[in-house]
C-alpha cells in the first residue's frame, strides 16, 4: 500500500464472542479515491484472522500430527472468530463503504 494514513485507512479489531483473547480478527479498508496520472483510485478490503499461539515449529508440527490422527489435545487452535452482535453494524458499514468506493473507482476509470 502506498498510503496508510488516517484518511486512506480504516480498521476494525473484532474479538471473539467466546471472549478468548487468542481469537482476533481484523477487518481493514485501504482506500484512495483521488485521481491522478501516477496512481489510479483504489479500494481494498482485507479480512485477517490472527492466532496468537506462539510455539516453536516442532511443537506446532506435533500438534498438527495429533490433530490429523484424532488424538486429543488440551490446546485448541482456531482460525475463526464468532462475530459479536455489537460488531455487525461496523462491519456492514465498512463493507458498504468499500462497495461504494468500487463503484466510484469504476466510474473514474471508464
PDB file of N, CA and C in Angstrom:
ATOM      1  N   UNK A   1       0.826  -1.175   0.000  1.00  0.00           N
ATOM      2  CA  UNK A   1       0.000   0.000   0.000  1.00  0.00           C
ATOM      3  C   UNK A   1       0.874   1.243   0.000  1.00  0.00           C
ATOM      4  N   UNK A   2       0.493   2.177  -0.788  1.00  0.00           N
ATOM      5  CA  UNK A   2       1.257   3.415  -0.866  1.00  0.00           C
ATOM      6  C   UNK A   2       1.015   4.287   0.365  1.00  0.00           C
ATOM      7  N   UNK A   3      -0.239   4.503   0.715  1.00  0.00           N
ATOM      8  CA  UNK A   3      -0.571   5.374   1.842  1.00  0.00           C
ATOM      9  C   UNK A   3      -1.391   4.607   2.853  1.00  0.00           C
ATOM     10  N   UNK A   4      -1.006   4.710   4.124  1.00  0.00           N
ATOM     11  CA  UNK A   4      -1.813   4.110   5.180  1.00  0.00           C
ATOM     12  C   UNK A   4      -2.129   5.145   6.252  1.00  0.00           C
ATOM     13  N   UNK A   5      -2.201   6.420   5.864  1.00  0.00           N
ATOM     14  CA  UNK A   5      -2.542   7.437   6.857  1.00  0.00           C
ATOM     15  C   UNK A   5      -4.038   7.409   7.145  1.00  0.00           C
ATOM     16  N   UNK A   6      -4.461   8.198   8.116  1.00  0.00           N
ATOM     17  CA  UNK A   6      -5.835   8.174   8.602  1.00  0.00           C
ATOM     18  C   UNK A   6      -6.885   8.326   7.514  1.00  0.00           C
ATOM     19  N   UNK A   7      -6.661   9.207   6.563  1.00  0.00           N
ATOM     20  CA  UNK A   7      -7.699   9.462   5.562  1.00  0.00           C
ATOM     21  C   UNK A   7      -7.853   8.326   4.565  1.00  0.00           C
ATOM     22  N   UNK A   8      -6.873   7.425   4.464  1.00  0.00           N
ATOM     23  CA  UNK A   8      -6.930   6.329   3.499  1.00  0.00           C
ATOM     24  C   UNK A   8      -7.052   4.959   4.159  1.00  0.00           C
ATOM     25  N   UNK A   9      -7.222   4.915   5.464  1.00  0.00           N
ATOM     26  CA  UNK A   9      -7.159   3.639   6.173  1.00  0.00           C
ATOM     27  C   UNK A   9      -8.204   3.594   7.279  1.00  0.00           C
ATOM     28  N   UNK A  10      -8.990   2.516   7.314  1.00  0.00           N
ATOM     29  CA  UNK A  10      -9.982   2.301   8.370  1.00  0.00           C
ATOM     30  C   UNK A  10      -9.850   0.852   8.800  1.00  0.00           C
ATOM     31  N   UNK A  11      -9.810   0.611  10.114  1.00  0.00           N
ATOM     32  CA  UNK A  11      -9.558  -0.729  10.626  1.00  0.00           C
ATOM     33  C   UNK A  11     -10.478  -1.018  11.801  1.00  0.00           C
ATOM     34  N   UNK A  12     -10.989  -2.255  11.848  1.00  0.00           N
ATOM     35  CA  UNK A  12     -11.827  -2.702  12.950  1.00  0.00           C
ATOM     36  C   UNK A  12     -11.193  -3.964  13.536  1.00  0.00           C
ATOM     37  N   UNK A  13     -10.995  -3.979  14.840  1.00  0.00           N
ATOM     38  CA  UNK A  13     -10.493  -5.168  15.522  1.00  0.00           C
ATOM     39  C   UNK A  13     -11.682  -5.876  16.169  1.00  0.00           C
ATOM     40  N   UNK A  14     -11.879  -7.141  15.830  1.00  0.00           N
ATOM     41  CA  UNK A  14     -13.005  -7.898  16.356  1.00  0.00           C
ATOM     42  C   UNK A  14     -12.498  -8.952  17.331  1.00  0.00           C
ATOM     43  N   UNK A  15     -13.002  -8.929  18.531  1.00  0.00           N
ATOM     44  CA  UNK A  15     -12.695 -10.003  19.467  1.00  0.00           C
ATOM     45  C   UNK A  15     -13.838 -11.006  19.412  1.00  0.00           C
ATOM     46  N   UNK A  16     -13.500 -12.251  19.660  1.00  0.00           N
ATOM     47  CA  UNK A  16     -14.454 -13.352  19.510  1.00  0.00           C
ATOM     48  C   UNK A  16     -15.542 -13.297  20.588  1.00  0.00           C
ATOM     49  N   UNK A  17     -16.690 -13.815  20.237  1.00  0.00           N
ATOM     50  CA  UNK A  17     -17.820 -13.859  21.158  1.00  0.00           C
ATOM     51  C   UNK A  17     -17.524 -14.773  22.352  1.00  0.00           C
ATOM     52  N   UNK A  18     -16.601 -15.725  22.184  1.00  0.00           N
ATOM     53  CA  UNK A  18     -16.269 -16.633  23.281  1.00  0.00           C
ATOM     54  C   UNK A  18     -15.338 -15.984  24.300  1.00  0.00           C
ATOM     55  N   UNK A  19     -14.924 -14.764  24.070  1.00  0.00           N
ATOM     56  CA  UNK A  19     -14.063 -13.943  24.929  1.00  0.00           C
ATOM     57  C   UNK A  19     -12.636 -14.465  25.065  1.00  0.00           C
ATOM     58  N   UNK A  20     -12.223 -15.383  24.209  1.00  0.00           N
ATOM     59  CA  UNK A  20     -10.835 -15.839  24.204  1.00  0.00           C
ATOM     60  C   UNK A  20     -10.011 -14.798  23.467  1.00  0.00           C
ATOM     61  N   UNK A  21      -9.004 -14.240  24.120  1.00  0.00           N
ATOM     62  CA  UNK A  21      -8.196 -13.192  23.502  1.00  0.00           C
ATOM     63  C   UNK A  21      -7.363 -13.709  22.338  1.00  0.00           C
ATOM     64  N   UNK A  22      -7.234 -15.018  22.198  1.00  0.00           N
ATOM     65  CA  UNK A  22      -6.489 -15.592  21.088  1.00  0.00           C
ATOM     66  C   UNK A  22      -7.257 -15.593  19.784  1.00  0.00           C
ATOM     67  N   UNK A  23      -8.553 -15.357  19.840  1.00  0.00           N
ATOM     68  CA  UNK A  23      -9.381 -15.351  18.637  1.00  0.00           C
ATOM     69  C   UNK A  23      -9.640 -13.909  18.238  1.00  0.00           C
ATOM     70  N   UNK A  24      -8.816 -13.374  17.374  1.00  0.00           N
ATOM     71  CA  UNK A  24      -8.908 -11.973  16.969  1.00  0.00           C
ATOM     72  C   UNK A  24      -8.996 -11.909  15.449  1.00  0.00           C
ATOM     73  N   UNK A  25      -9.879 -11.066  14.950  1.00  0.00           N
ATOM     74  CA  UNK A  25      -9.991 -10.839  13.518  1.00  0.00           C
ATOM     75  C   UNK A  25      -9.907  -9.337  13.262  1.00  0.00           C
ATOM     76  N   UNK A  26      -9.208  -8.985  12.192  1.00  0.00           N
ATOM     77  CA  UNK A  26      -9.068  -7.588  11.804  1.00  0.00           C
ATOM     78  C   UNK A  26      -9.696  -7.408  10.431  1.00  0.00           C
ATOM     79  N   UNK A  27     -10.557  -6.404  10.311  1.00  0.00           N
ATOM     80  CA  UNK A  27     -11.134  -6.021   9.028  1.00  0.00           C
ATOM     81  C   UNK A  27     -10.573  -4.641   8.704  1.00  0.00           C
ATOM     82  N   UNK A  28      -9.896  -4.526   7.566  1.00  0.00           N
ATOM     83  CA  UNK A  28      -9.238  -3.265   7.216  1.00  0.00           C
ATOM     84  C   UNK A  28      -9.641  -2.830   5.818  1.00  0.00           C
ATOM     85  N   UNK A  29      -9.863  -1.538   5.669  1.00  0.00           N
ATOM     86  CA  UNK A  29     -10.201  -0.949   4.382  1.00  0.00           C
ATOM     87  C   UNK A  29      -9.120   0.060   4.022  1.00  0.00           C
ATOM     88  N   UNK A  30      -8.482  -0.163   2.880  1.00  0.00           N
ATOM     89  CA  UNK A  30      -7.494   0.767   2.332  1.00  0.00           C
ATOM     90  C   UNK A  30      -8.134   1.443   1.133  1.00  0.00           C
ATOM     91  N   UNK A  31      -8.118   2.752   1.110  1.00  0.00           N
ATOM     92  CA  UNK A  31      -8.781   3.454   0.017  1.00  0.00           C
ATOM     93  C   UNK A  31      -8.038   4.729  -0.339  1.00  0.00           C
ATOM     94  N   UNK A  32      -8.046   5.029  -1.605  1.00  0.00           N
ATOM     95  CA  UNK A  32      -7.553   6.306  -2.102  1.00  0.00           C
ATOM     96  C   UNK A  32      -8.315   6.586  -3.387  1.00  0.00           C
ATOM     97  N   UNK A  33      -9.276   7.472  -3.318  1.00  0.00           N
ATOM     98  CA  UNK A  33     -10.142   7.736  -4.469  1.00  0.00           C
ATOM     99  C   UNK A  33      -9.696   8.942  -5.276  1.00  0.00           C
ATOM    100  N   UNK A  34      -8.560   9.513  -4.910  1.00  0.00           N
ATOM    101  CA  UNK A  34      -8.060  10.647  -5.682  1.00  0.00           C
ATOM    102  C   UNK A  34      -7.584  10.162  -7.048  1.00  0.00           C
ATOM    103  N   UNK A  35      -7.780  10.986  -8.038  1.00  0.00           N
ATOM    104  CA  UNK A  35      -7.429  10.624  -9.410  1.00  0.00           C
ATOM    105  C   UNK A  35      -6.235  11.458  -9.849  1.00  0.00           C
ATOM    106  N   UNK A  36      -5.163  10.787 -10.215  1.00  0.00           N
ATOM    107  CA  UNK A  36      -4.025  11.462 -10.830  1.00  0.00           C
ATOM    108  C   UNK A  36      -3.352  10.475 -11.788  1.00  0.00           C
ATOM    109  N   UNK A  37      -2.371  10.943 -12.515  1.00  0.00           N
ATOM    110  CA  UNK A  37      -1.748  10.111 -13.539  1.00  0.00           C
ATOM    111  C   UNK A  37      -0.877   9.008 -12.956  1.00  0.00           C
ATOM    112  N   UNK A  38      -0.316   9.229 -11.784  1.00  0.00           N
ATOM    113  CA  UNK A  38       0.631   8.276 -11.214  1.00  0.00           C
ATOM    114  C   UNK A  38      -0.043   7.105 -10.494  1.00  0.00           C
ATOM    115  N   UNK A  39      -1.194   7.324  -9.890  1.00  0.00           N
ATOM    116  CA  UNK A  39      -1.858   6.224  -9.178  1.00  0.00           C
ATOM    117  C   UNK A  39      -3.363   6.305  -9.397  1.00  0.00           C
ATOM    118  N   UNK A  40      -3.939   5.249  -9.920  1.00  0.00           N
ATOM    119  CA  UNK A  40      -5.394   5.236 -10.121  1.00  0.00           C
ATOM    120  C   UNK A  40      -6.109   5.082  -8.775  1.00  0.00           C
ATOM    121  N   UNK A  41      -7.386   5.403  -8.719  1.00  0.00           N
ATOM    122  CA  UNK A  41      -8.139   5.229  -7.474  1.00  0.00           C
ATOM    123  C   UNK A  41      -8.251   3.743  -7.128  1.00  0.00           C
ATOM    124  N   UNK A  42      -8.266   3.441  -5.846  1.00  0.00           N
ATOM    125  CA  UNK A  42      -8.388   2.049  -5.426  1.00  0.00           C
ATOM    126  C   UNK A  42      -9.129   1.955  -4.103  1.00  0.00           C
ATOM    127  N   UNK A  43      -9.650   0.759  -3.849  1.00  0.00           N
ATOM    128  CA  UNK A  43     -10.274   0.431  -2.578  1.00  0.00           C
ATOM    129  C   UNK A  43     -10.061  -1.060  -2.356  1.00  0.00           C
ATOM    130  N   UNK A  44      -9.473  -1.416  -1.227  1.00  0.00           N
ATOM    131  CA  UNK A  44      -9.202  -2.816  -0.918  1.00  0.00           C
ATOM    132  C   UNK A  44      -9.725  -3.141   0.470  1.00  0.00           C
ATOM    133  N   UNK A  45     -10.424  -4.262   0.593  1.00  0.00           N
ATOM    134  CA  UNK A  45     -10.948  -4.718   1.874  1.00  0.00           C
ATOM    135  C   UNK A  45     -10.212  -5.997   2.259  1.00  0.00           C
ATOM    136  N   UNK A  46      -9.599  -6.002   3.442  1.00  0.00           N
ATOM    137  CA  UNK A  46      -8.842  -7.159   3.927  1.00  0.00           C
ATOM    138  C   UNK A  46      -9.499  -7.694   5.192  1.00  0.00           C
ATOM    139  N   UNK A  47      -9.633  -9.022   5.262  1.00  0.00           N
ATOM    140  CA  UNK A  47     -10.129  -9.689   6.470  1.00  0.00           C
ATOM    141  C   UNK A  47      -9.053 -10.678   6.890  1.00  0.00           C
ATOM    142  N   UNK A  48      -8.578 -10.546   8.130  1.00  0.00           N
ATOM    143  CA  UNK A  48      -7.448 -11.337   8.590  1.00  0.00           C
ATOM    144  C   UNK A  48      -7.742 -11.915   9.973  1.00  0.00           C
ATOM    145  N   UNK A  49      -7.687 -13.247  10.088  1.00  0.00           N
ATOM    146  CA  UNK A  49      -7.810 -13.903  11.391  1.00  0.00           C
ATOM    147  C   UNK A  49      -6.419 -14.153  11.936  1.00  0.00           C
ATOM    148  N   UNK A  50      -6.215 -13.808  13.177  1.00  0.00           N
ATOM    149  CA  UNK A  50      -4.896 -13.935  13.785  1.00  0.00           C
ATOM    150  C   UNK A  50      -4.952 -14.907  14.951  1.00  0.00           C
ATOM    151  N   UNK A  51      -4.109 -15.914  14.905  1.00  0.00           N
ATOM    152  CA  UNK A  51      -3.959 -16.814  16.038  1.00  0.00           C
ATOM    153  C   UNK A  51      -2.794 -16.325  16.872  1.00  0.00           C
ATOM    154  N   UNK A  52      -3.004 -16.165  18.143  1.00  0.00           N
ATOM    155  CA  UNK A  52      -1.917 -15.685  18.992  1.00  0.00           C
ATOM    156  C   UNK A  52      -1.321 -16.837  19.793  1.00  0.00           C
ATOM    157  N   UNK A  53      -0.984 -17.911  19.112  1.00  0.00           N
ATOM    158  CA  UNK A  53      -0.340 -19.054  19.737  1.00  0.00           C
ATOM    159  C   UNK A  53       1.092 -19.083  19.229  1.00  0.00           C
ATOM    160  N   UNK A  54       2.022 -18.815  20.115  1.00  0.00           N
ATOM    161  CA  UNK A  54       3.418 -18.745  19.720  1.00  0.00           C
ATOM    162  C   UNK A  54       4.143 -19.961  20.275  1.00  0.00           C
ATOM    163  N   UNK A  55       4.529 -20.856  19.382  1.00  0.00           N
ATOM    164  CA  UNK A  55       5.260 -22.057  19.765  1.00  0.00           C
ATOM    165  C   UNK A  55       6.343 -22.319  18.734  1.00  0.00           C
ATOM    166  N   UNK A  56       7.382 -23.037  19.138  1.00  0.00           N
ATOM    167  CA  UNK A  56       8.386 -23.435  18.146  1.00  0.00           C
ATOM    168  C   UNK A  56       7.769 -24.333  17.083  1.00  0.00           C
ATOM    169  N   UNK A  57       8.390 -24.379  15.931  1.00  0.00           N
ATOM    170  CA  UNK A  57       7.820 -25.107  14.801  1.00  0.00           C
ATOM    171  C   UNK A  57       7.596 -26.580  15.119  1.00  0.00           C
ATOM    172  N   UNK A  58       8.482 -27.229  15.892  1.00  0.00           N
ATOM    173  CA  UNK A  58       8.345 -28.656  16.159  1.00  0.00           C
ATOM    174  C   UNK A  58       7.125 -28.942  17.036  1.00  0.00           C
ATOM    175  N   UNK A  59       6.765 -28.013  17.914  1.00  0.00           N
ATOM    176  CA  UNK A  59       5.560 -28.206  18.721  1.00  0.00           C
ATOM    177  C   UNK A  59       4.308 -28.050  17.851  1.00  0.00           C
ATOM    178  N   UNK A  60       4.360 -27.125  16.905  1.00  0.00           N
ATOM    179  CA  UNK A  60       3.215 -26.955  16.001  1.00  0.00           C
ATOM    180  C   UNK A  60       3.044 -28.171  15.100  1.00  0.00           C
ATOM    181  N   UNK A  61       4.159 -28.758  14.647  1.00  0.00           N
ATOM    182  CA  UNK A  61       4.082 -29.982  13.831  1.00  0.00           C
ATOM    183  C   UNK A  61       3.495 -31.120  14.656  1.00  0.00           C
ATOM    184  N   UNK A  62       3.923 -31.236  15.908  1.00  0.00           N
ATOM    185  CA  UNK A  62       3.400 -32.283  16.782  1.00  0.00           C
ATOM    186  C   UNK A  62       1.896 -32.102  17.010  1.00  0.00           C
ATOM    187  N   UNK A  63       1.451 -30.877  17.248  1.00  0.00           N
ATOM    188  CA  UNK A  63       0.019 -30.619  17.415  1.00  0.00           C
ATOM    189  C   UNK A  63      -0.758 -30.940  16.144  1.00  0.00           C
ATOM    190  N   UNK A  64      -0.177 -30.609  14.995  1.00  0.00           N
ATOM    191  CA  UNK A  64      -0.836 -30.924  13.721  1.00  0.00           C
ATOM    192  C   UNK A  64      -0.941 -32.428  13.543  1.00  0.00           C
ATOM    193  N   UNK A  65       0.103 -33.157  13.880  1.00  0.00           N
ATOM    194  CA  UNK A  65       0.093 -34.626  13.795  1.00  0.00           C
ATOM    195  C   UNK A  65      -1.012 -35.196  14.674  1.00  0.00           C
ATOM    196  N   UNK A  66      -1.111 -34.706  15.915  1.00  0.00           N
ATOM    197  CA  UNK A  66      -2.149 -35.184  16.820  1.00  0.00           C
ATOM    198  C   UNK A  66      -3.543 -34.851  16.295  1.00  0.00           C
ATOM    199  N   UNK A  67      -3.679 -33.700  15.680  1.00  0.00           N
ATOM    200  CA  UNK A  67      -4.972 -33.296  15.129  1.00  0.00           C
ATOM    201  C   UNK A  67      -5.372 -34.200  13.963  1.00  0.00           C
ATOM    202  N   UNK A  68      -4.437 -34.455  13.052  1.00  0.00           N
ATOM    203  CA  UNK A  68      -4.726 -35.264  11.869  1.00  0.00           C
ATOM    204  C   UNK A  68      -5.144 -36.678  12.257  1.00  0.00           C
ATOM    205  N   UNK A  69      -4.522 -37.227  13.288  1.00  0.00           N
ATOM    206  CA  UNK A  69      -4.821 -38.606  13.684  1.00  0.00           C
ATOM    207  C   UNK A  69      -5.833 -38.706  14.817  1.00  0.00           C
ATOM    208  N   UNK A  70      -6.503 -37.624  15.132  1.00  0.00           N
ATOM    209  CA  UNK A  70      -7.611 -37.641  16.073  1.00  0.00           C
ATOM    210  C   UNK A  70      -7.218 -37.787  17.529  1.00  0.00           C
ATOM    211  N   UNK A  71      -5.975 -37.528  17.843  1.00  0.00           N
ATOM    212  CA  UNK A  71      -5.550 -37.592  19.236  1.00  0.00           C
ATOM    213  C   UNK A  71      -5.979 -36.313  19.944  1.00  0.00           C
ATOM    214  N   UNK A  72      -6.389 -36.444  21.181  1.00  0.00           N
ATOM    215  CA  UNK A  72      -6.888 -35.263  21.889  1.00  0.00           C
ATOM    216  C   UNK A  72      -5.737 -34.358  22.300  1.00  0.00           C
ATOM    217  N   UNK A  73      -6.077 -33.101  22.412  1.00  0.00           N
ATOM    218  CA  UNK A  73      -5.115 -32.097  22.827  1.00  0.00           C
ATOM    219  C   UNK A  73      -5.805 -31.133  23.771  1.00  0.00           C
ATOM    220  N   UNK A  74      -5.093 -30.691  24.795  1.00  0.00           N
ATOM    221  CA  UNK A  74      -5.657 -29.718  25.726  1.00  0.00           C
ATOM    222  C   UNK A  74      -5.704 -28.334  25.106  1.00  0.00           C
ATOM    223  N   UNK A  75      -4.914 -28.117  24.066  1.00  0.00           N
ATOM    224  CA  UNK A  75      -4.854 -26.804  23.435  1.00  0.00           C
ATOM    225  C   UNK A  75      -5.719 -26.797  22.179  1.00  0.00           C
ATOM    226  N   UNK A  76      -6.582 -25.828  22.066  1.00  0.00           N
ATOM    227  CA  UNK A  76      -7.424 -25.689  20.880  1.00  0.00           C
ATOM    228  C   UNK A  76      -6.875 -24.561  20.022  1.00  0.00           C
ATOM    229  N   UNK A  77      -6.841 -24.773  18.735  1.00  0.00           N
ATOM    230  CA  UNK A  77      -6.327 -23.770  17.811  1.00  0.00           C
ATOM    231  C   UNK A  77      -7.392 -23.507  16.765  1.00  0.00           C
ATOM    232  N   UNK A  78      -7.832 -22.276  16.682  1.00  0.00           N
ATOM    233  CA  UNK A  78      -8.912 -21.908  15.792  1.00  0.00           C
ATOM    234  C   UNK A  78      -8.453 -20.823  14.834  1.00  0.00           C
ATOM    235  N   UNK A  79      -9.048 -20.824  13.672  1.00  0.00           N
ATOM    236  CA  UNK A  79      -8.764 -19.756  12.719  1.00  0.00           C
ATOM    237  C   UNK A  79     -10.046 -18.997  12.398  1.00  0.00           C
ATOM    238  N   UNK A  80     -10.966 -19.007  13.337  1.00  0.00           N
ATOM    239  CA  UNK A  80     -12.243 -18.332  13.139  1.00  0.00           C
ATOM    240  C   UNK A  80     -12.531 -17.391  14.305  1.00  0.00           C
ATOM    241  N   UNK A  81     -13.493 -16.549  14.090  1.00  0.00           N
ATOM    242  CA  UNK A  81     -13.920 -15.610  15.123  1.00  0.00           C
ATOM    243  C   UNK A  81     -15.435 -15.514  15.045  1.00  0.00           C
ATOM    244  N   UNK A  82     -16.115 -15.773  16.156  1.00  0.00           N
ATOM    245  CA  UNK A  82     -17.565 -15.621  16.189  1.00  0.00           C
ATOM    246  C   UNK A  82     -17.870 -14.143  16.378  1.00  0.00           C
ATOM    247  N   UNK A  83     -18.510 -13.545  15.408  1.00  0.00           N
ATOM    248  CA  UNK A  83     -18.758 -12.102  15.429  1.00  0.00           C
ATOM    249  C   UNK A  83     -19.821 -11.777  16.468  1.00  0.00           C
ATOM    250  N   UNK A  84     -19.506 -10.797  17.292  1.00  0.00           N
ATOM    251  CA  UNK A  84     -20.453 -10.343  18.311  1.00  0.00           C
ATOM    252  C   UNK A  84     -21.511  -9.461  17.658  1.00  0.00           C
ATOM    253  N   UNK A  85     -22.705  -9.471  18.211  1.00  0.00           N
ATOM    254  CA  UNK A  85     -23.815  -8.684  17.665  1.00  0.00           C
ATOM    255  C   UNK A  85     -23.482  -7.204  17.576  1.00  0.00           C
ATOM    256  N   UNK A  86     -22.770  -6.684  18.565  1.00  0.00           N
ATOM    257  CA  UNK A  86     -22.463  -5.250  18.580  1.00  0.00           C
ATOM    258  C   UNK A  86     -21.435  -4.848  17.523  1.00  0.00           C
ATOM    259  N   UNK A  87     -20.754  -5.815  16.911  1.00  0.00           N
ATOM    260  CA  UNK A  87     -19.775  -5.513  15.865  1.00  0.00           C
ATOM    261  C   UNK A  87     -20.370  -5.545  14.452  1.00  0.00           C
ATOM    262  N   UNK A  88     -21.576  -6.054  14.313  1.00  0.00           N
ATOM    263  CA  UNK A  88     -22.171  -6.221  12.985  1.00  0.00           C
ATOM    264  C   UNK A  88     -22.338  -4.899  12.237  1.00  0.00           C
ATOM    265  N   UNK A  89     -22.811  -3.867  12.906  1.00  0.00           N
ATOM    266  CA  UNK A  89     -23.027  -2.580  12.228  1.00  0.00           C
ATOM    267  C   UNK A  89     -21.725  -1.997  11.694  1.00  0.00           C
ATOM    268  N   UNK A  90     -20.645  -2.123  12.454  1.00  0.00           N
ATOM    269  CA  UNK A  90     -19.346  -1.603  11.998  1.00  0.00           C
ATOM    270  C   UNK A  90     -18.844  -2.364  10.776  1.00  0.00           C
ATOM    271  N   UNK A  91     -19.054  -3.674  10.767  1.00  0.00           N
ATOM    272  CA  UNK A  91     -18.625  -4.482   9.614  1.00  0.00           C
ATOM    273  C   UNK A  91     -19.451  -4.123   8.383  1.00  0.00           C
ATOM    274  N   UNK A  92     -20.760  -4.025   8.559  1.00  0.00           N
ATOM    275  CA  UNK A  92     -21.648  -3.689   7.439  1.00  0.00           C
ATOM    276  C   UNK A  92     -21.301  -2.311   6.883  1.00  0.00           C
ATOM    277  N   UNK A  93     -21.022  -1.355   7.765  1.00  0.00           N
ATOM    278  CA  UNK A  93     -20.659  -0.013   7.322  1.00  0.00           C
ATOM    279  C   UNK A  93     -19.369  -0.040   6.487  1.00  0.00           C
ATOM    280  N   UNK A  94     -18.384  -0.816   6.929  1.00  0.00           N
ATOM    281  CA  UNK A  94     -17.112  -0.894   6.202  1.00  0.00           C
ATOM    282  C   UNK A  94     -17.292  -1.574   4.844  1.00  0.00           C
ATOM    283  N   UNK A  95     -18.084  -2.641   4.795  1.00  0.00           N
ATOM    284  CA  UNK A  95     -18.334  -3.336   3.532  1.00  0.00           C
ATOM    285  C   UNK A  95     -19.110  -2.446   2.570  1.00  0.00           C
ATOM    286  N   UNK A  96     -20.108  -1.737   3.066  1.00  0.00           N
ATOM    287  CA  UNK A  96     -20.869  -0.819   2.203  1.00  0.00           C
ATOM    288  C   UNK A  96     -19.988   0.322   1.692  1.00  0.00           C
ATOM    289  N   UNK A  97     -19.095   0.815   2.538  1.00  0.00           N
ATOM    290  CA  UNK A  97     -18.172   1.871   2.100  1.00  0.00           C
ATOM    291  C   UNK A  97     -17.266   1.350   0.991  1.00  0.00           C
ATOM    292  N   UNK A  98     -16.774   0.129   1.146  1.00  0.00           N
ATOM    293  CA  UNK A  98     -15.936  -0.484   0.111  1.00  0.00           C
ATOM    294  C   UNK A  98     -16.725  -0.661  -1.192  1.00  0.00           C
ATOM    295  N   UNK A  99     -17.961  -1.081  -1.067  1.00  0.00           N
ATOM    296  CA  UNK A  99     -18.826  -1.267  -2.238  1.00  0.00           C
ATOM    297  C   UNK A  99     -19.038   0.060  -2.977  1.00  0.00           C
ATOM    298  N   UNK A 100     -19.302   1.131  -2.236  1.00  0.00           N
ATOM    299  CA  UNK A 100     -19.451   2.454  -2.844  1.00  0.00           C
ATOM    300  C   UNK A 100     -18.148   2.918  -3.495  1.00  0.00           C
ATOM    301  N   UNK A 101     -17.020   2.645  -2.817  1.00  0.00           N
ATOM    302  CA  UNK A 101     -15.721   3.013  -3.386  1.00  0.00           C
ATOM    303  C   UNK A 101     -15.463   2.307  -4.705  1.00  0.00           C
ATOM    304  N   UNK A 102     -15.832   1.032  -4.778  1.00  0.00           N
ATOM    305  CA  UNK A 102     -15.623   0.285  -6.025  1.00  0.00           C
ATOM    306  C   UNK A 102     -16.444   0.886  -7.170  1.00  0.00           C
ATOM    307  N   UNK A 103     -17.661   1.319  -6.868  1.00  0.00           N
ATOM    308  CA  UNK A 103     -18.479   1.994  -7.889  1.00  0.00           C
ATOM    309  C   UNK A 103     -17.807   3.276  -8.358  1.00  0.00           C
ATOM    310  N   UNK A 104     -17.300   4.064  -7.405  1.00  0.00           N
ATOM    311  CA  UNK A 104     -16.625   5.316  -7.753  1.00  0.00           C
ATOM    312  C   UNK A 104     -15.361   5.051  -8.570  1.00  0.00           C
ATOM    313  N   UNK A 105     -14.608   4.033  -8.201  1.00  0.00           N
ATOM    314  CA  UNK A 105     -13.383   3.679  -8.945  1.00  0.00           C
ATOM    315  C   UNK A 105     -13.741   3.274 -10.367  1.00  0.00           C
ATOM    316  N   UNK A 106     -14.799   2.501 -10.503  1.00  0.00           N
ATOM    317  CA  UNK A 106     -15.215   2.058 -11.838  1.00  0.00           C
ATOM    318  C   UNK A 106     -15.644   3.254 -12.682  1.00  0.00           C
ATOM    319  N   UNK A 107     -16.372   4.191 -12.093  1.00  0.00           N
ATOM    320  CA  UNK A 107     -16.808   5.374 -12.818  1.00  0.00           C
ATOM    321  C   UNK A 107     -15.632   6.244 -13.245  1.00  0.00           C
ATOM    322  N   UNK A 108     -14.591   6.306 -12.415  1.00  0.00           N
ATOM    323  CA  UNK A 108     -13.420   7.134 -12.728  1.00  0.00           C
ATOM    324  C   UNK A 108     -12.523   6.529 -13.774  1.00  0.00           C
ATOM    325  N   UNK A 109     -12.542   5.203 -13.908  1.00  0.00           N
ATOM    326  CA  UNK A 109     -11.614   4.550 -14.838  1.00  0.00           C
ATOM    327  C   UNK A 109     -12.237   4.310 -16.203  1.00  0.00           C
ATOM    328  N   UNK A 110     -13.551   4.451 -16.312  1.00  0.00           N
ATOM    329  CA  UNK A 110     -14.182   4.202 -17.616  1.00  0.00           C
ATOM    330  C   UNK A 110     -14.253   5.454 -18.446  1.00  0.00           C
TER     331      UNK A 110
END
